[in-house]
Protein backbone atom coordinates (compact mmCIF):
# COMPACT_ATOMS: atom_id res chain seq x y z
CA MET A 1 79.07 4.36 60.28
CA LYS A 2 77.68 1.36 62.09
CA THR A 3 79.35 -2.01 62.46
CA GLU A 4 78.14 -5.43 63.49
CA VAL A 5 80.61 -8.21 64.28
CA LYS A 6 79.63 -11.87 64.33
CA GLN A 7 81.29 -15.23 63.94
CA GLU A 8 80.46 -17.12 60.74
CA HIS A 9 81.86 -20.68 60.51
CA ASN A 10 85.64 -20.24 60.46
CA SER A 11 85.67 -16.46 59.92
CA THR A 12 84.57 -13.22 61.51
CA LEU A 13 82.06 -11.08 59.61
CA ILE A 14 82.27 -7.33 60.06
CA ASP A 15 79.14 -5.84 58.51
CA ILE A 16 79.51 -2.09 57.91
CA SER A 17 76.85 0.42 56.99
CA GLY A 18 77.03 4.16 56.34
CA SER A 19 80.17 6.04 55.34
CA VAL A 20 83.78 5.03 55.85
CA ASP A 21 85.81 8.23 55.74
CA ALA A 22 88.44 10.17 57.67
CA LEU A 23 86.08 10.55 60.63
CA THR A 24 85.00 6.91 60.89
CA ALA A 25 88.08 5.05 59.62
CA PRO A 26 89.91 5.16 63.00
CA GLU A 27 86.94 3.44 64.67
CA LEU A 28 86.87 0.78 61.95
CA SER A 29 90.61 0.26 62.31
CA LYS A 30 90.20 -0.36 66.06
CA ILE A 31 87.47 -2.92 65.42
CA LEU A 32 89.46 -4.80 62.78
CA LEU A 33 92.73 -4.80 64.72
CA HIS A 34 90.94 -5.85 67.91
CA GLN A 35 89.48 -8.88 66.11
CA ILE A 36 92.92 -9.85 64.80
CA ALA A 37 94.51 -9.37 68.23
CA ASP A 38 91.84 -11.69 69.68
CA GLY A 39 92.89 -14.40 67.22
CA HIS A 40 90.10 -13.86 64.69
CA VAL A 41 92.43 -13.59 61.69
CA ASN A 42 90.04 -14.70 58.92
CA LEU A 43 87.98 -11.57 58.38
CA VAL A 44 85.13 -10.86 55.99
CA VAL A 45 84.39 -7.16 55.70
CA SER A 46 80.96 -6.56 54.23
CA LEU A 47 80.72 -3.26 52.37
CA ILE A 48 77.33 -4.08 50.87
CA ARG A 49 75.59 -1.38 52.94
CA VAL A 50 78.41 1.19 52.74
CA GLU A 51 77.29 4.32 50.93
CA PHE A 52 80.68 6.05 50.68
CA MET A 53 84.31 4.90 50.97
CA SER A 54 87.14 7.44 51.10
CA SER A 55 90.87 6.89 50.75
CA ALA A 56 91.06 6.79 54.57
CA GLY A 57 88.72 3.80 54.50
CA LEU A 58 90.83 2.09 51.84
CA ARG A 59 93.98 2.65 53.94
CA THR A 60 92.22 1.12 56.94
CA LEU A 61 91.28 -1.96 54.94
CA LEU A 62 94.81 -2.25 53.54
CA GLY A 63 96.29 -2.09 57.05
CA ALA A 64 93.90 -4.82 58.20
CA VAL A 65 94.77 -7.02 55.21
CA LYS A 66 98.46 -6.75 56.07
CA GLU A 67 97.87 -7.40 59.77
CA ALA A 68 95.61 -10.39 59.16
CA ARG A 69 98.10 -11.94 56.74
CA SER A 70 101.03 -11.38 59.08
CA ASN A 71 99.07 -13.31 61.71
CA GLY A 72 98.31 -16.27 59.43
CA GLY A 73 94.88 -15.17 58.21
CA ASP A 74 93.39 -13.03 55.50
CA LEU A 75 90.74 -10.40 54.85
CA ARG A 76 88.04 -10.86 52.23
CA ILE A 77 85.58 -8.23 51.06
CA ALA A 78 81.90 -8.59 50.23
CA SER A 79 80.79 -5.69 48.04
CA ALA A 80 77.69 -5.64 45.90
CA ASN A 81 77.45 -1.84 46.10
CA ILE A 82 78.29 -0.56 42.61
CA GLY A 83 79.74 2.76 43.80
CA VAL A 84 81.99 1.24 46.45
CA ASP A 85 83.03 -1.58 44.13
CA LYS A 86 84.07 1.02 41.55
CA VAL A 87 86.30 2.71 44.16
CA LEU A 88 87.84 -0.67 45.04
CA LYS A 89 88.57 -1.40 41.37
CA MET A 90 89.95 2.07 40.60
CA SER A 91 92.29 1.88 43.59
CA GLY A 92 93.51 -1.59 42.62
CA PHE A 93 92.07 -3.17 45.75
CA HIS A 94 90.77 -6.13 43.73
CA ASN A 95 94.45 -7.02 43.20
CA ILE A 96 95.20 -6.82 46.93
CA ALA A 97 92.27 -8.64 48.52
CA LYS A 98 89.68 -11.06 47.23
CA VAL A 99 86.36 -9.32 46.61
CA PHE A 100 83.10 -11.26 46.45
CA PRO A 101 79.59 -10.12 45.48
CA THR A 102 77.97 -11.64 48.59
CA GLN A 103 78.79 -12.23 52.25
CA ALA A 104 78.07 -15.93 51.90
CA GLU A 105 80.60 -16.33 49.06
CA ALA A 106 83.25 -14.41 51.00
CA VAL A 107 82.69 -16.50 54.14
CA SER A 108 82.72 -19.80 52.24
CA SER A 109 85.96 -18.82 50.46
CA PHE A 110 87.81 -19.61 53.70
CA ASP A 111 86.64 -23.24 53.48
CA SER A 112 88.74 -23.97 50.41
């Protein structure tokens, strides 16, 4: 798993590539929680280049959603990857967090 973090308008974009599983989820959790602790509470997690997402990855995202919301922000997901999007839908994640097909749409969703 590789991550890239950058500021986009009024949100922080975390672009992830590779696999998010039991081995990489703790690293992702540190990155997400560090951003929230630094006051970057509007997060966009891009899963567009993620090839595999396990339940450990879903738990990490859920924890970050809860933490961001408890700090006055939110977490949005950009996911155009059909396989990962299917996992998000099957797990009910579309009911927990807003999921957008592109990074740009997810970032701009914080403007409204």
